[in-house]
Amino acid sequence: MSGAADQQGALPVVLVGAGNMGRNWIRTFASSPDARVVGIVDLDLELAARVAREESLDVVIGSSVSEVAARSGAVAVVNVTVPAAHRPVNEEALFAGLPVLCEKPIAPTLVDALQQAALAEVAGGLLMVSQSRRFFTELTRLRAVADRLGRVGAITTEFYKAPHFGGFRDRMEQPLLVDMAIHQFDMARYLLRADPVTVSCSSWNPAWSWYDGDASATATFEFDDGARYTFTGSWCAPGRETSWNGSWRVSAEHGTAVWDGDGAPEADGIDELPDVPAGPEEIAGSLAEFVRCLRSGETPQSEIHRNIPSLAMVEAAVLSAETGERVDLPQLLERRYAEAVRTERRADVREQLEQWGSVAHLRGVEVVQ
C-alpha cells in the first residue's frame, strides 16, 4: 500500500468515467474528507475536460489510468465506467499498483467476476465493489434489531418505482433484476449474515411498460441458515412508490421488524431501538469504507470475493426466470468457476484460478495490501 494512503488527509484518486455517474461521484468527493479527485480518465477527452471545467476541478485529464495516476500523484482509482469496461480499467489499475473502488455490478457475468477476483490476487491489490446501499444508518439499525429478535425465519422486500431513465436500461432484457435488485439482494445478505443456496424467480413485463425487457419480478431465496428471502417489485409501477431501498419486513423468533427504507425501523419484541453509529451514506459510505480499509489494512465488506455471492443471486434469479426452474446457487457457482478457468485469457490469472480448486476458495479470503 502506498505511503500516501497512510496519511490522514484526503486520499488522492483518479476517477475513471466522466458520465452522469462520474458527476455524482465528483460531488461526493467535494463534500468528503476521505478522498479528492486529482485526475479524470475517459476515452472522450473533451467530455472529461468539460466536466472538470463545469465542476471547477483542476485535475489531470487523460485516457490512460496508469498515465494519469503517475502524472497526478494519485494512489487509488474509483471506476465508474459501464460494467463491460470494468475489467480492463481494473486490470490496468491493479497492475499499476493502484487499489480500486469499482461501481456495481463488478462485472456483467459471474464468470467475469470470478476472473477479476483471481486477477486481484495475482496483482496483490484491493478491488472493492461500491455496494452503496449497505451504507444507511437505518439499515444498520434494522440489522441490530434483527440480531436482537433471534433466529430470522423470513425477510421480504417490496420495491415499486416508475423511473423513466432512457438509455441502456430501457433496452435491457432484465432491467429490474440486473440493474436494481442486486442492491436489495445484497442488503438481505447483510441483514441475515448468511448466503443463498437456492432461488425460484419469475419475471414479466406489464402491458404498459416503457421497458423492452422484464421490468417486474418476484424471487424467493433460501439461505444456508434456513431463512427465506422474498423480493417482489416493479420498475413501471406509478403511484404509491416505495423508497429506493424498498419496504422491508423481518419475521424472527421473538418478534417482527418493519422498515420503510427511509426512516427508523419499527419493531415489537424489543423494548427500544438500539443505538448505532451514524456515518456517511450511499456512495459516500462506500468511499469512506474504501479509504478506511486502505489505511487500516482491513478487508472491506464488499471486497470482490465477498461480493460475488450477491452477483450470483442476480445471475441465478435471471436463470430461474428464463428456465422456470429453481436454481441451486452453489452448483451454478461451480459451473461458472469451471467456465472462468476455461476462458481466462491471461495465463497468470488462469493459473491462479486453477489453484483455487473450487469456489469454496471465496470464503475467508483476506486481501494483501
Protein backbone atom coordinates (compact mmCIF):
# COMPACT_ATOMS: atom_id res chain seq x y z
CA MET A 1 0.00 0.00 0.00
CA SER A 2 1.37 3.41 -0.91
CA GLY A 3 2.62 5.56 1.93
CA ALA A 4 0.29 8.33 0.76
CA ALA A 5 -2.61 6.13 1.82
CA ASP A 6 -1.35 6.19 5.42
CA GLN A 7 -1.74 9.93 5.71
CA GLN A 8 -4.86 11.30 7.38
CA GLY A 9 -5.54 13.86 4.66
CA ALA A 10 -7.82 13.30 1.69
CA LEU A 11 -6.64 10.37 -0.44
CA PRO A 12 -5.69 11.47 -4.00
CA VAL A 13 -7.61 9.37 -6.53
CA VAL A 14 -8.20 9.04 -10.25
CA LEU A 15 -11.85 8.95 -11.30
CA VAL A 16 -12.48 6.79 -14.38
CA GLY A 17 -15.67 7.71 -16.21
CA ALA A 18 -16.93 11.24 -16.80
CA GLY A 19 -20.60 10.50 -17.46
CA ASN A 20 -23.58 11.12 -15.19
CA MET A 21 -22.35 8.69 -12.53
CA GLY A 22 -18.95 10.33 -12.69
CA ARG A 23 -20.55 13.68 -11.88
CA ASN A 24 -22.34 12.11 -8.91
CA TRP A 25 -19.03 10.85 -7.60
CA ILE A 26 -17.33 14.22 -8.16
CA ARG A 27 -19.98 15.88 -5.99
CA THR A 28 -19.46 13.21 -3.35
CA PHE A 29 -15.72 13.88 -3.37
CA ALA A 30 -16.41 17.60 -2.98
CA SER A 31 -18.02 17.05 0.42
CA SER A 32 -15.83 14.15 1.55
CA PRO A 33 -12.91 14.41 3.97
CA ASP A 34 -11.74 10.99 2.82
CA ALA A 35 -10.61 11.47 -0.78
CA ARG A 36 -10.11 14.06 -3.52
CA VAL A 37 -10.06 13.80 -7.31
CA VAL A 38 -6.68 14.63 -8.86
CA GLY A 39 -7.30 13.06 -12.27
CA ILE A 40 -10.14 12.11 -14.62
CA VAL A 41 -9.87 9.35 -17.20
CA ASP A 42 -12.27 8.95 -20.09
CA LEU A 43 -11.98 7.90 -23.74
CA ASP A 44 -13.86 11.10 -24.55
CA LEU A 45 -11.24 13.66 -23.56
CA GLU A 46 -13.47 16.59 -24.49
CA LEU A 47 -16.17 15.31 -22.15
CA ALA A 48 -13.68 14.83 -19.32
CA ALA A 49 -12.31 18.34 -19.80
CA ARG A 50 -15.81 19.84 -19.91
CA VAL A 51 -16.86 18.02 -16.73
CA ALA A 52 -13.71 19.18 -14.94
CA ARG A 53 -14.34 22.75 -16.03
CA GLU A 54 -18.02 22.71 -15.08
CA GLU A 55 -17.25 21.16 -11.69
CA SER A 56 -14.39 23.63 -11.09
CA LEU A 57 -11.72 20.92 -10.86
CA ASP A 58 -8.04 21.48 -11.55
CA VAL A 59 -7.10 17.91 -12.44
CA VAL A 60 -5.06 15.86 -14.88
CA ILE A 61 -7.09 14.64 -17.88
CA GLY A 62 -6.25 11.60 -20.00
CA SER A 63 -7.34 8.28 -21.46
CA SER A 64 -4.86 6.02 -19.60
CA VAL A 65 -5.39 5.17 -15.94
CA SER A 66 -1.74 4.47 -15.16
CA GLU A 67 -0.53 7.57 -17.03
CA VAL A 68 -2.98 9.94 -15.33
CA ALA A 69 -2.21 8.40 -11.94
CA ALA A 70 1.53 8.87 -12.46
CA ARG A 71 1.11 12.49 -13.61
CA SER A 72 -1.34 13.41 -10.84
CA GLY A 73 0.17 11.58 -7.89
CA ALA A 74 -2.97 9.51 -7.33
CA VAL A 75 -2.67 6.41 -5.14
CA ALA A 76 -6.08 4.83 -5.86
CA VAL A 77 -8.76 4.56 -8.55
CA VAL A 78 -12.54 4.93 -8.49
CA ASN A 79 -14.01 3.16 -11.51
CA VAL A 80 -17.49 4.35 -12.57
CA THR A 81 -17.47 3.12 -16.16
CA VAL A 82 -20.17 0.81 -17.56
CA PRO A 83 -19.91 -2.83 -16.37
CA ALA A 84 -18.46 -4.08 -19.66
CA ALA A 85 -15.50 -1.72 -19.20
CA HIS A 86 -14.82 -2.62 -15.57
CA ARG A 87 -12.29 -5.40 -16.20
CA PRO A 88 -9.87 -3.51 -18.48
CA VAL A 89 -9.90 -0.47 -16.18
CA ASN A 90 -9.49 -2.57 -13.02
CA GLU A 91 -6.78 -4.67 -14.64
CA GLU A 92 -4.71 -1.66 -15.69
CA ALA A 93 -5.09 -0.03 -12.29
CA LEU A 94 -4.30 -3.11 -10.20
CA PHE A 95 -1.19 -3.99 -12.18
CA ALA A 96 -0.07 -0.38 -11.81
CA GLY A 97 -0.22 -0.90 -8.04
CA LEU A 98 -3.42 1.11 -7.57
CA PRO A 99 -6.26 -0.20 -5.35
CA VAL A 100 -9.70 0.15 -6.95
CA LEU A 101 -13.19 1.05 -5.77
CA CYS A 102 -15.48 -0.07 -8.61
CA GLU A 103 -19.15 0.70 -9.19
CA LYS A 104 -21.59 -2.21 -9.02
CA PRO A 105 -22.03 -4.62 -10.61
CA ILE A 106 -18.36 -5.54 -10.72
CA ALA A 107 -18.95 -7.45 -13.96
CA PRO A 108 -21.70 -8.31 -16.43
CA THR A 109 -21.38 -12.03 -15.58
CA LEU A 110 -20.26 -14.31 -12.77
CA VAL A 111 -17.52 -15.69 -14.99
CA ASP A 112 -16.05 -12.22 -15.43
CA ALA A 113 -16.36 -11.50 -11.70
CA LEU A 114 -14.55 -14.72 -10.74
CA GLN A 115 -11.78 -13.91 -13.19
CA GLN A 116 -11.42 -10.43 -11.71
CA ALA A 117 -11.21 -11.88 -8.20
CA ALA A 118 -8.29 -14.05 -9.31
CA LEU A 119 -6.78 -11.08 -11.14
CA ALA A 120 -6.81 -9.07 -7.92
CA GLU A 121 -5.00 -11.93 -6.18
CA VAL A 122 -2.31 -12.03 -8.88
CA ALA A 123 -1.86 -8.26 -8.75
CA GLY A 124 -1.87 -8.29 -4.94
CA GLY A 125 -4.20 -5.32 -4.70
CA LEU A 126 -7.55 -4.36 -3.26
CA LEU A 127 -10.60 -4.49 -5.54
CA MET A 128 -13.74 -3.32 -3.72
CA VAL A 129 -17.26 -3.09 -5.13
CA SER A 130 -19.30 0.02 -4.29
CA GLN A 131 -22.35 -1.81 -2.96
CA SER A 132 -23.55 1.56 -1.77
CA ARG A 133 -26.97 0.70 -0.32
CA ARG A 134 -25.33 -1.20 2.52
CA PHE A 135 -24.38 2.20 3.86
CA PHE A 136 -27.53 3.52 5.52
CA THR A 137 -27.67 4.22 9.24
CA GLU A 138 -31.23 2.88 9.48
CA LEU A 139 -30.29 -0.33 7.64
CA THR A 140 -27.54 -0.81 10.21
CA ARG A 141 -30.17 -0.25 12.93
CA LEU A 142 -32.51 -2.78 11.29
CA ARG A 143 -29.68 -5.32 11.35
CA ALA A 144 -29.12 -4.68 15.05
CA VAL A 145 -32.87 -5.11 15.64
CA ALA A 146 -32.87 -8.39 13.71
CA ASP A 147 -29.96 -9.63 15.81
CA ARG A 148 -31.97 -8.95 18.99
CA LEU A 149 -35.06 -10.71 17.64
CA GLY A 150 -33.29 -14.06 17.41
CA ARG A 151 -33.41 -16.51 14.55
CA VAL A 152 -34.85 -14.97 11.38
CA GLY A 153 -37.39 -17.05 9.52
CA ALA A 154 -38.24 -14.76 6.62
CA ILE A 155 -37.43 -11.37 5.15
CA THR A 156 -39.50 -9.72 2.45
CA THR A 157 -38.83 -6.65 0.32
CA GLU A 158 -41.41 -4.81 -1.75
CA PHE A 159 -39.89 -2.48 -4.34
CA TYR A 160 -42.15 -0.38 -6.58
CA LYS A 161 -40.91 2.59 -8.60
CA ALA A 162 -41.65 4.12 -12.00
CA PRO A 163 -38.42 5.76 -13.24
CA HIS A 164 -38.06 6.92 -16.83
CA PHE A 165 -34.31 6.59 -17.28
CA GLY A 166 -33.99 6.44 -21.03
CA GLY A 167 -30.79 4.99 -22.42
CA PHE A 168 -29.42 1.48 -21.88
CA ARG A 169 -31.77 0.46 -19.04
CA ASP A 170 -34.78 0.78 -21.31
CA ARG A 171 -33.23 -1.79 -23.67
CA MET A 172 -32.05 -4.38 -21.11
CA GLU A 173 -33.63 -7.84 -21.07
CA GLN A 174 -33.90 -7.81 -17.25
CA PRO A 175 -33.60 -4.18 -16.14
CA LEU A 176 -35.06 -4.64 -12.64
CA LEU A 177 -33.18 -7.80 -11.69
CA VAL A 178 -29.84 -6.86 -13.22
CA ASP A 179 -29.59 -3.14 -12.59
CA MET A 180 -31.53 -2.68 -9.35
CA ALA A 181 -32.30 -5.85 -7.42
CA ILE A 182 -28.64 -6.57 -6.66
CA HIS A 183 -28.92 -3.78 -4.07
CA GLN A 184 -31.78 -5.45 -2.21
CA PHE A 185 -30.26 -8.93 -2.65
CA ASP A 186 -27.01 -7.68 -1.13
CA MET A 187 -28.88 -5.93 1.69
CA ALA A 188 -30.61 -9.23 2.51
CA ARG A 189 -27.20 -10.94 2.79
CA TYR A 190 -26.08 -8.11 5.06
CA LEU A 191 -29.13 -8.48 7.32
CA LEU A 192 -29.00 -12.28 7.51
CA ARG A 193 -25.21 -12.63 7.75
CA ALA A 194 -25.73 -15.67 5.50
CA ASP A 195 -25.52 -16.71 1.87
CA PRO A 196 -28.21 -18.04 -0.51
CA VAL A 197 -28.39 -21.64 -1.66
CA THR A 198 -31.45 -21.75 -3.97
CA VAL A 199 -33.76 -19.36 -5.82
CA SER A 200 -37.06 -19.54 -7.64
CA CYS A 201 -37.88 -16.48 -9.73
CA SER A 202 -40.41 -15.30 -12.27
CA SER A 203 -40.24 -12.07 -14.25
CA TRP A 204 -42.62 -10.31 -16.61
CA ASN A 205 -43.26 -7.02 -18.36
CA PRO A 206 -46.61 -5.26 -17.80
CA ALA A 207 -48.52 -4.23 -20.90
CA TRP A 208 -47.97 -0.53 -20.14
CA SER A 209 -44.23 -0.88 -19.58
CA TRP A 210 -41.82 1.54 -21.29
CA TYR A 211 -39.00 -1.03 -20.95
CA ASP A 212 -38.12 -3.54 -23.65
CA GLY A 213 -37.31 -6.26 -21.12
CA ASP A 214 -38.98 -7.56 -17.97
CA ALA A 215 -39.47 -4.68 -15.54
CA SER A 216 -41.24 -6.75 -12.86
CA ALA A 217 -40.09 -9.79 -10.88
CA THR A 218 -40.63 -11.94 -7.82
CA ALA A 219 -37.78 -14.04 -6.42
CA THR A 220 -37.61 -16.28 -3.34
CA PHE A 221 -34.22 -17.34 -1.98
CA GLU A 222 -33.42 -19.99 0.59
CA PHE A 223 -30.34 -19.16 2.67
CA ASP A 224 -27.83 -21.52 4.24
CA ASP A 225 -29.23 -20.78 7.72
CA GLY A 226 -32.73 -21.88 6.66
CA ALA A 227 -34.18 -18.38 6.29
CA ARG A 228 -36.18 -17.34 3.23
CA TYR A 229 -35.87 -14.00 1.48
CA THR A 230 -38.52 -12.80 -0.99
CA PHE A 231 -38.10 -9.83 -3.28
CA THR A 232 -41.06 -8.60 -5.30
CA GLY A 233 -41.23 -5.41 -7.30
CA SER A 234 -41.50 -3.42 -10.48
CA TRP A 235 -39.82 -0.53 -12.25
CA CYS A 236 -43.01 0.53 -14.01
CA ALA A 237 -45.36 0.90 -11.03
CA PRO A 238 -46.63 4.51 -10.88
CA GLY A 239 -48.32 5.63 -7.68
CA ARG A 240 -47.59 4.91 -4.01
CA GLU A 241 -43.96 4.23 -4.79
CA THR A 242 -41.66 2.70 -2.19
CA SER A 243 -38.28 4.03 -1.11
CA TRP A 244 -35.37 3.29 -3.43
CA ASN A 245 -34.31 0.89 -0.68
CA GLY A 246 -37.67 -0.85 -0.81
CA SER A 247 -40.07 -1.64 2.03
CA TRP A 248 -38.87 -4.39 4.40
CA ARG A 249 -40.34 -6.89 6.88
CA VAL A 250 -38.22 -9.14 9.09
CA SER A 251 -40.06 -12.04 10.74
CA ALA A 252 -37.98 -13.58 13.55
CA GLU A 253 -38.13 -15.90 16.55
CA HIS A 254 -39.01 -13.22 19.12
CA GLY A 255 -40.83 -10.61 17.05
CA THR A 256 -41.15 -8.69 13.81
CA ALA A 257 -39.50 -5.57 12.44
CA VAL A 258 -40.57 -3.38 9.53
CA TRP A 259 -38.66 -0.66 7.70
CA ASP A 260 -39.95 1.74 5.06
CA GLY A 261 -36.46 2.12 3.61
CA ASP A 262 -36.03 5.71 4.75
CA GLY A 263 -36.90 6.37 8.40
CA ALA A 264 -36.14 4.40 11.54
CA PRO A 265 -37.37 0.80 11.65
CA GLU A 266 -40.24 -0.23 13.89
CA ALA A 267 -40.30 -3.45 15.88
CA ASP A 268 -42.10 -5.43 18.51
CA GLY A 269 -40.35 -7.97 20.69
CA ILE A 270 -37.78 -5.41 21.95
CA ASP A 271 -38.11 -2.55 24.43
CA GLU A 272 -36.32 0.11 22.39
CA LEU A 273 -34.41 0.54 19.17
CA PRO A 274 -30.66 0.02 19.53
CA ASP A 275 -28.25 2.89 19.06
CA VAL A 276 -25.95 2.58 16.08
CA PRO A 277 -23.15 4.89 14.90
CA ALA A 278 -24.11 7.34 12.18
CA GLY A 279 -21.79 7.71 9.22
CA PRO A 280 -21.61 8.64 5.54
CA GLU A 281 -24.35 7.03 3.47
CA GLU A 282 -24.67 5.59 -0.06
CA ILE A 283 -21.61 6.18 -2.26
CA ALA A 284 -20.08 8.45 0.38
CA GLY A 285 -20.25 5.44 2.70
CA SER A 286 -18.57 3.21 0.13
CA LEU A 287 -15.82 5.77 -0.31
CA ALA A 288 -15.29 6.14 3.44
CA GLU A 289 -15.03 2.36 3.90
CA PHE A 290 -12.60 2.06 0.97
CA VAL A 291 -10.26 4.68 2.40
CA ARG A 292 -10.60 3.38 5.96
CA CYS A 293 -9.68 -0.14 4.90
CA LEU A 294 -6.75 1.05 2.81
CA ARG A 295 -5.36 2.80 5.86
CA SER A 296 -6.11 0.03 8.36
CA GLY A 297 -5.37 -3.00 6.19
CA GLU A 298 -8.82 -4.46 6.90
CA THR A 299 -10.84 -6.22 4.21
CA PRO A 300 -13.93 -4.22 3.15
CA GLN A 301 -17.30 -5.92 3.50
CA SER A 302 -17.80 -5.56 -0.29
CA GLU A 303 -14.32 -6.65 -1.39
CA ILE A 304 -14.78 -8.56 -4.65
CA HIS A 305 -14.54 -12.08 -3.16
CA ARG A 306 -17.15 -11.17 -0.55
CA ASN A 307 -19.41 -9.50 -3.11
CA ILE A 308 -19.59 -12.38 -5.59
CA PRO A 309 -22.48 -14.15 -3.79
CA SER A 310 -24.62 -11.02 -4.32
CA LEU A 311 -23.86 -11.08 -8.05
CA ALA A 312 -24.59 -14.81 -8.03
CA MET A 313 -28.07 -14.05 -6.66
CA VAL A 314 -28.76 -11.87 -9.69
CA GLU A 315 -27.48 -14.36 -12.26
CA ALA A 316 -29.31 -17.23 -10.58
CA ALA A 317 -32.58 -15.26 -10.42
CA VAL A 318 -32.33 -14.39 -14.11
CA LEU A 319 -31.61 -18.04 -14.98
CA SER A 320 -34.59 -19.20 -12.92
CA ALA A 321 -36.84 -16.64 -14.61
CA GLU A 322 -35.67 -17.78 -18.04
CA THR A 323 -36.00 -21.53 -17.39
CA GLY A 324 -38.90 -21.62 -14.94
CA GLU A 325 -36.82 -23.88 -12.68
CA ARG A 326 -35.35 -23.50 -9.22
CA VAL A 327 -31.61 -22.80 -9.36
CA ASP A 328 -29.03 -24.19 -6.95
CA LEU A 329 -26.54 -21.36 -6.36
CA PRO A 330 -23.51 -23.43 -5.21
CA GLN A 331 -23.88 -25.61 -8.32
CA LEU A 332 -24.22 -22.53 -10.53
CA LEU A 333 -21.08 -21.02 -8.99
CA GLU A 334 -19.09 -24.21 -9.61
CA ARG A 335 -20.20 -24.27 -13.27
CA ARG A 336 -19.25 -20.63 -13.70
CA TYR A 337 -15.91 -21.28 -11.98
CA ALA A 338 -15.09 -24.06 -14.47
CA GLU A 339 -16.03 -21.71 -17.31
CA ALA A 340 -13.87 -18.95 -15.81
CA VAL A 341 -10.84 -21.27 -15.78
CA ARG A 342 -11.52 -22.42 -19.34
CA THR A 343 -11.98 -18.95 -20.85
CA GLU A 344 -9.47 -16.80 -18.93
CA ARG A 345 -7.05 -15.23 -21.43
CA ARG A 346 -4.18 -14.32 -19.06
CA ALA A 347 -2.01 -17.31 -18.16
CA ASP A 348 -1.18 -15.97 -14.68
CA VAL A 349 -4.83 -15.37 -13.82
CA ARG A 350 -5.85 -18.77 -15.22
CA GLU A 351 -3.18 -20.46 -13.09
CA GLN A 352 -4.45 -18.60 -10.04
CA LEU A 353 -8.00 -19.76 -10.73
CA GLU A 354 -6.81 -23.34 -11.11
CA GLN A 355 -5.14 -23.15 -7.71
CA TRP A 356 -8.49 -22.35 -6.09
CA GLY A 357 -9.78 -25.87 -6.77
CA SER A 358 -13.38 -24.70 -6.31
CA VAL A 359 -15.41 -21.60 -5.45
CA ALA A 360 -15.16 -22.60 -1.79
CA HIS A 361 -11.95 -20.56 -2.03
CA LEU A 362 -14.07 -17.40 -1.95
CA ARG A 363 -14.86 -17.86 1.73
CA GLY A 364 -12.39 -16.37 4.13
CA VAL A 365 -10.13 -14.68 1.59
CA GLU A 366 -8.18 -11.82 3.10
CA VAL A 367 -6.64 -9.12 0.94
CA VAL A 368 -2.90 -8.49 0.88
CA GLN A 369 -2.28 -4.75 0.70
